[in-house]
Amino acid sequence: MPLFPKQYQPVEQVESGVHYACMYCGYIEHITNPDQICSRCQNNCKNWAKALNSQIVR
């Protein structure tokens, strides 16, 4: 899940084969609908962000 506000934008249209992160708890899953409820936290705000697969630089 993105940490910076620029990348932290709610999804409006779901892309096939892309992982999404719940904006409430951070759980990653494939979703089929941008209004889908998170299966981990069951949060009713139903916001998702495109999950990042960036390498962490230390």
C-alpha atoms as a PDB file:
ATOM      1  CA  MET A   1       0.000   0.000   0.000  1.00  0.00           C
ATOM      2  CA  PRO A   2       1.392   3.434  -0.840  1.00  0.00           C
ATOM      3  CA  LEU A   3       2.635   5.619   2.001  1.00  0.00           C
ATOM      4  CA  PHE A   4       2.756   8.904   0.114  1.00  0.00           C
ATOM      5  CA  PRO A   5      -0.440  10.889  -0.658  1.00  0.00           C
ATOM      6  CA  LYS A   6       0.237  11.166  -4.408  1.00  0.00           C
ATOM      7  CA  GLN A   7       0.065   7.361  -4.867  1.00  0.00           C
ATOM      8  CA  TYR A   8      -2.650   6.908  -2.220  1.00  0.00           C
ATOM      9  CA  GLN A   9      -5.697   7.400  -4.423  1.00  0.00           C
ATOM     10  CA  PRO A  10      -8.955   5.424  -4.274  1.00  0.00           C
ATOM     11  CA  VAL A  11      -9.555   3.104  -7.226  1.00  0.00           C
ATOM     12  CA  GLU A  12     -12.453   4.000  -9.500  1.00  0.00           C
ATOM     13  CA  GLN A  13     -12.010   1.245 -12.098  1.00  0.00           C
ATOM     14  CA  VAL A  14     -10.582  -2.222 -11.396  1.00  0.00           C
ATOM     15  CA  GLU A  15      -7.888  -3.573 -13.731  1.00  0.00           C
ATOM     16  CA  SER A  16      -7.630  -7.297 -14.392  1.00  0.00           C
ATOM     17  CA  GLY A  17      -4.632  -9.077 -12.830  1.00  0.00           C
ATOM     18  CA  VAL A  18      -3.774  -6.216 -10.457  1.00  0.00           C
ATOM     19  CA  HIS A  19      -3.545  -6.504  -6.678  1.00  0.00           C
ATOM     20  CA  TYR A  20      -5.302  -3.881  -4.571  1.00  0.00           C
ATOM     21  CA  ALA A  21      -4.778  -2.842  -0.941  1.00  0.00           C
ATOM     22  CA  CYS A  22      -7.567  -1.961   1.469  1.00  0.00           C
ATOM     23  CA  MET A  23      -7.088   1.688   2.453  1.00  0.00           C
ATOM     24  CA  TYR A  24      -8.308   0.906   5.979  1.00  0.00           C
ATOM     25  CA  CYS A  25      -6.286  -2.163   7.035  1.00  0.00           C
ATOM     26  CA  GLY A  26      -3.767  -2.661   4.191  1.00  0.00           C
ATOM     27  CA  TYR A  27      -4.942  -6.167   3.244  1.00  0.00           C
ATOM     28  CA  ILE A  28      -3.951  -7.101  -0.335  1.00  0.00           C
ATOM     29  CA  GLU A  29      -6.294  -9.000  -2.647  1.00  0.00           C
ATOM     30  CA  HIS A  30      -7.672  -9.224  -6.184  1.00  0.00           C
ATOM     31  CA  ILE A  31     -10.968  -7.365  -6.347  1.00  0.00           C
ATOM     32  CA  THR A  32     -13.635  -7.348  -9.030  1.00  0.00           C
ATOM     33  CA  ASN A  33     -15.493  -4.217  -7.993  1.00  0.00           C
ATOM     34  CA  PRO A  34     -14.137  -0.913  -6.589  1.00  0.00           C
ATOM     35  CA  ASP A  35     -16.989  -0.969  -4.022  1.00  0.00           C
ATOM     36  CA  GLN A  36     -16.069  -4.441  -2.762  1.00  0.00           C
ATOM     37  CA  ILE A  37     -15.892  -4.863   1.020  1.00  0.00           C
ATOM     38  CA  CYS A  38     -12.528  -5.987   2.414  1.00  0.00           C
ATOM     39  CA  SER A  39     -12.673  -9.644   3.441  1.00  0.00           C
ATOM     40  CA  ARG A  40     -10.240  -9.037   6.321  1.00  0.00           C
ATOM     41  CA  CYS A  41     -11.608  -5.985   8.114  1.00  0.00           C
ATOM     42  CA  GLN A  42     -15.116  -5.818   6.626  1.00  0.00           C
ATOM     43  CA  ASN A  43     -14.706  -2.027   6.536  1.00  0.00           C
ATOM     44  CA  ASN A  44     -17.731  -0.275   5.073  1.00  0.00           C
ATOM     45  CA  CYS A  45     -15.807   2.636   3.496  1.00  0.00           C
ATOM     46  CA  LYS A  46     -14.862   0.223   0.660  1.00  0.00           C
ATOM     47  CA  ASN A  47     -11.835   2.173  -0.603  1.00  0.00           C
ATOM     48  CA  TRP A  48      -8.974   0.431  -2.384  1.00  0.00           C
ATOM     49  CA  ALA A  49      -5.586   1.612  -3.662  1.00  0.00           C
ATOM     50  CA  LYS A  50      -3.478  -0.111  -6.281  1.00  0.00           C
ATOM     51  CA  ALA A  51      -0.922  -2.223  -4.400  1.00  0.00           C
ATOM     52  CA  LEU A  52       2.713  -1.406  -5.079  1.00  0.00           C
ATOM     53  CA  ASN A  53       5.439  -3.970  -5.597  1.00  0.00           C
ATOM     54  CA  SER A  54       8.367  -1.599  -5.202  1.00  0.00           C
ATOM     55  CA  GLN A  55      11.683  -2.696  -3.797  1.00  0.00           C
ATOM     56  CA  ILE A  56      12.530  -1.224  -0.401  1.00  0.00           C
ATOM     57  CA  VAL A  57      15.799   0.727  -0.386  1.00  0.00           C
ATOM     58  CA  ARG A  58      17.706   0.631   2.889  1.00  0.00           C
END
